[in-house]
């Protein structure tokens, strides 16, 4: 059986859920909007990976335009909001961008992510993911959602591919 670390060599595409992965899953309800908190270390890793040519996609059931705007500003390739059937959205993105399953690292934390996690090359989840998700993933980050679990999997992938912390990488 191939270890998840070996599978990281093939990764060209990262796909992440938002609530419970890029956030801690808590949603503050305000009169005008729902408020979420994104982790700066995750943000740095997203923009670093984007600048190194990785495709970064977001599939979320949420509908926050401000989250979409922030992620796009970090270099995310595409954000799919209001995704009720994540496997269908995954297939749409696969057709649009032409990636193979084995080239994808997906991180999800709950039941809506289940079918996509079973399909991709490297399935990952935060430490505080649902039990059903932990049972099927290749890797469980020691970090919880919103607490740099995204940074963890991006950094591991780029380290394996010898693209993390390159000299002068900060001189963009």
Protein backbone atom coordinates (compact mmCIF):
# COMPACT_ATOMS: atom_id res chain seq x y z
CA UNK A 1 0.00 0.00 0.00
CA UNK A 2 1.30 3.44 -0.95
CA UNK A 3 1.69 5.87 1.96
CA UNK A 4 0.03 9.27 1.79
CA UNK A 5 3.49 10.90 1.75
CA UNK A 6 4.36 9.02 -1.44
CA UNK A 7 1.04 10.09 -3.01
CA UNK A 8 1.94 13.75 -2.38
CA UNK A 9 4.45 13.64 -5.26
CA UNK A 10 1.56 13.60 -7.76
CA UNK A 11 -0.41 16.53 -6.29
CA UNK A 12 -1.02 19.51 -8.59
CA UNK A 13 -4.42 20.54 -7.22
CA UNK A 14 -5.62 21.36 -3.72
CA UNK A 15 -9.34 21.43 -2.94
CA UNK A 16 -10.64 22.66 0.41
CA UNK A 17 -13.93 23.02 2.19
CA UNK A 18 -14.40 26.27 4.14
CA UNK A 19 -16.44 25.80 7.32
CA UNK A 20 -14.58 23.41 9.63
CA UNK A 21 -11.44 23.41 7.46
CA UNK A 22 -10.41 26.97 6.63
CA UNK A 23 -12.46 28.11 9.61
CA UNK A 24 -13.03 26.52 13.00
CA UNK A 25 -16.64 25.89 12.02
CA UNK A 26 -18.04 28.56 14.30
CA UNK A 27 -20.32 31.09 12.68
CA UNK A 28 -21.12 34.33 14.46
CA UNK A 29 -24.55 35.58 13.49
CA UNK A 30 -24.75 39.31 13.03
CA UNK A 31 -27.75 41.30 11.80
CA UNK A 32 -26.20 41.94 8.39
CA UNK A 33 -24.04 38.87 7.76
CA UNK A 34 -22.52 35.67 9.08
CA UNK A 35 -18.98 36.19 10.37
CA UNK A 36 -16.16 33.67 9.92
CA UNK A 37 -12.50 33.80 10.91
CA UNK A 38 -9.73 32.61 8.57
CA UNK A 39 -6.25 31.71 9.82
CA UNK A 40 -3.36 33.89 8.54
CA UNK A 41 -0.97 30.92 8.39
CA UNK A 42 -3.42 29.05 6.18
CA UNK A 43 -3.72 32.18 4.04
CA UNK A 44 0.04 32.40 3.64
CA UNK A 45 0.26 28.76 2.56
CA UNK A 46 -2.57 29.21 0.05
CA UNK A 47 -0.90 32.19 -1.61
CA UNK A 48 2.51 30.50 -1.50
CA UNK A 49 1.15 27.39 -3.25
CA UNK A 50 -0.72 29.52 -5.80
CA UNK A 51 2.46 31.44 -6.63
CA UNK A 52 4.22 28.13 -7.18
CA UNK A 53 1.67 27.11 -9.81
CA UNK A 54 -0.68 24.88 -7.84
CA UNK A 55 -4.37 24.95 -8.66
CA UNK A 56 -6.39 25.75 -5.54
CA UNK A 57 -10.13 25.21 -5.56
CA UNK A 58 -12.77 25.71 -2.90
CA UNK A 59 -15.99 23.73 -2.66
CA UNK A 60 -18.28 25.00 0.08
CA UNK A 61 -21.93 24.84 1.01
CA UNK A 62 -21.59 28.37 2.37
CA UNK A 63 -22.60 31.48 0.48
CA UNK A 64 -20.33 34.21 1.84
CA UNK A 65 -19.13 36.53 -0.91
CA UNK A 66 -16.59 38.12 1.43
CA UNK A 67 -14.99 34.71 2.05
CA UNK A 68 -14.88 34.21 -1.72
CA UNK A 69 -13.28 37.63 -2.24
CA UNK A 70 -10.62 36.99 0.44
CA UNK A 71 -9.72 33.56 -0.96
CA UNK A 72 -9.53 34.87 -4.52
CA UNK A 73 -7.22 37.67 -3.31
CA UNK A 74 -4.90 34.95 -1.96
CA UNK A 75 -4.62 33.38 -5.41
CA UNK A 76 -7.27 30.68 -5.18
CA UNK A 77 -8.18 29.55 -8.69
CA UNK A 78 -11.92 29.24 -8.14
CA UNK A 79 -14.46 29.25 -5.30
CA UNK A 80 -17.71 27.33 -5.67
CA UNK A 81 -20.28 28.61 -3.17
CA UNK A 82 -23.64 27.00 -2.27
CA UNK A 83 -22.38 23.54 -3.25
CA UNK A 84 -25.12 21.15 -2.19
CA UNK A 85 -23.67 18.13 -4.03
CA UNK A 86 -19.89 18.37 -3.68
CA UNK A 87 -19.18 15.32 -5.84
CA UNK A 88 -21.11 16.89 -8.73
CA UNK A 89 -19.17 20.16 -8.27
CA UNK A 90 -15.92 18.15 -8.12
CA UNK A 91 -16.79 16.51 -11.48
CA UNK A 92 -17.59 19.94 -12.99
CA UNK A 93 -14.22 21.30 -11.85
CA UNK A 94 -12.43 18.19 -13.07
CA UNK A 95 -13.97 18.62 -16.51
CA UNK A 96 -13.17 22.35 -16.55
CA UNK A 97 -9.51 22.06 -15.44
CA UNK A 98 -8.62 18.57 -16.69
CA UNK A 99 -7.03 17.17 -13.53
CA UNK A 100 -6.94 13.48 -12.66
CA UNK A 101 -8.15 12.15 -9.29
CA UNK A 102 -4.63 11.13 -8.25
CA UNK A 103 -3.44 14.74 -8.71
CA UNK A 104 -5.88 16.05 -6.07
CA UNK A 105 -5.44 16.57 -2.35
CA UNK A 106 -8.84 17.29 -0.78
CA UNK A 107 -9.47 18.39 2.80
CA UNK A 108 -12.95 18.13 4.24
CA UNK A 109 -14.38 17.71 7.71
CA UNK A 110 -17.94 16.44 7.51
CA UNK A 111 -20.48 14.23 5.73
CA UNK A 112 -20.95 16.50 2.64
CA UNK A 113 -17.23 15.90 1.87
CA UNK A 114 -17.44 12.10 2.14
CA UNK A 115 -17.91 11.14 -1.53
CA UNK A 116 -15.21 13.48 -2.82
CA UNK A 117 -12.77 12.27 -0.15
CA UNK A 118 -13.29 8.66 -1.33
CA UNK A 119 -12.41 9.65 -4.91
CA UNK A 120 -9.28 11.84 -4.72
CA UNK A 121 -5.61 10.88 -4.69
CA UNK A 122 -4.96 12.14 -1.14
CA UNK A 123 -7.87 12.54 1.26
CA UNK A 124 -7.23 14.63 4.36
CA UNK A 125 -9.14 16.13 7.27
CA UNK A 126 -8.60 18.35 10.30
CA UNK A 127 -8.08 16.75 13.70
CA UNK A 128 -11.62 17.66 14.77
CA UNK A 129 -13.38 16.20 11.70
CA UNK A 130 -16.44 13.97 11.98
CA UNK A 131 -15.72 10.34 12.89
CA UNK A 132 -17.03 9.11 9.52
CA UNK A 133 -14.52 11.34 7.75
CA UNK A 134 -11.59 10.31 9.94
CA UNK A 135 -12.35 6.67 9.10
CA UNK A 136 -11.81 7.14 5.36
CA UNK A 137 -9.02 9.72 5.06
CA UNK A 138 -5.39 9.05 4.18
CA UNK A 139 -4.19 11.70 6.63
CA UNK A 140 -5.60 13.46 9.69
CA UNK A 141 -3.86 16.72 10.46
CA UNK A 142 -2.94 17.16 14.12
CA UNK A 143 -4.47 20.64 13.79
CA UNK A 144 -8.16 21.50 14.05
CA UNK A 145 -10.15 23.35 11.42
CA UNK A 146 -9.19 27.02 11.27
CA UNK A 147 -5.99 26.33 13.22
CA UNK A 148 -3.58 25.90 10.27
CA UNK A 149 -4.57 22.39 9.18
CA UNK A 150 -4.57 23.76 5.61
CA UNK A 151 -1.03 25.06 6.07
CA UNK A 152 -0.07 21.60 7.37
CA UNK A 153 -1.11 19.72 4.22
CA UNK A 154 0.12 22.36 1.78
CA UNK A 155 3.49 22.56 3.51
CA UNK A 156 3.88 18.77 3.59
CA UNK A 157 3.06 18.52 -0.11
CA UNK A 158 5.44 21.27 -1.13
CA UNK A 159 8.21 19.86 1.09
CA UNK A 160 7.85 16.43 -0.54
CA UNK A 161 8.01 18.12 -3.95
CA UNK A 162 10.96 20.27 -2.81
CA UNK A 163 9.08 23.53 -3.38
CA UNK A 164 8.65 24.74 0.21
CA UNK A 165 10.75 27.59 1.59
CA UNK A 166 12.82 28.16 -1.48
CA UNK A 167 15.60 30.71 -1.18
CA UNK A 168 14.32 34.10 -2.33
CA UNK A 169 10.74 32.79 -2.45
CA UNK A 170 9.64 35.85 -0.53
CA UNK A 171 10.94 38.19 -3.29
CA UNK A 172 7.81 38.05 -5.46
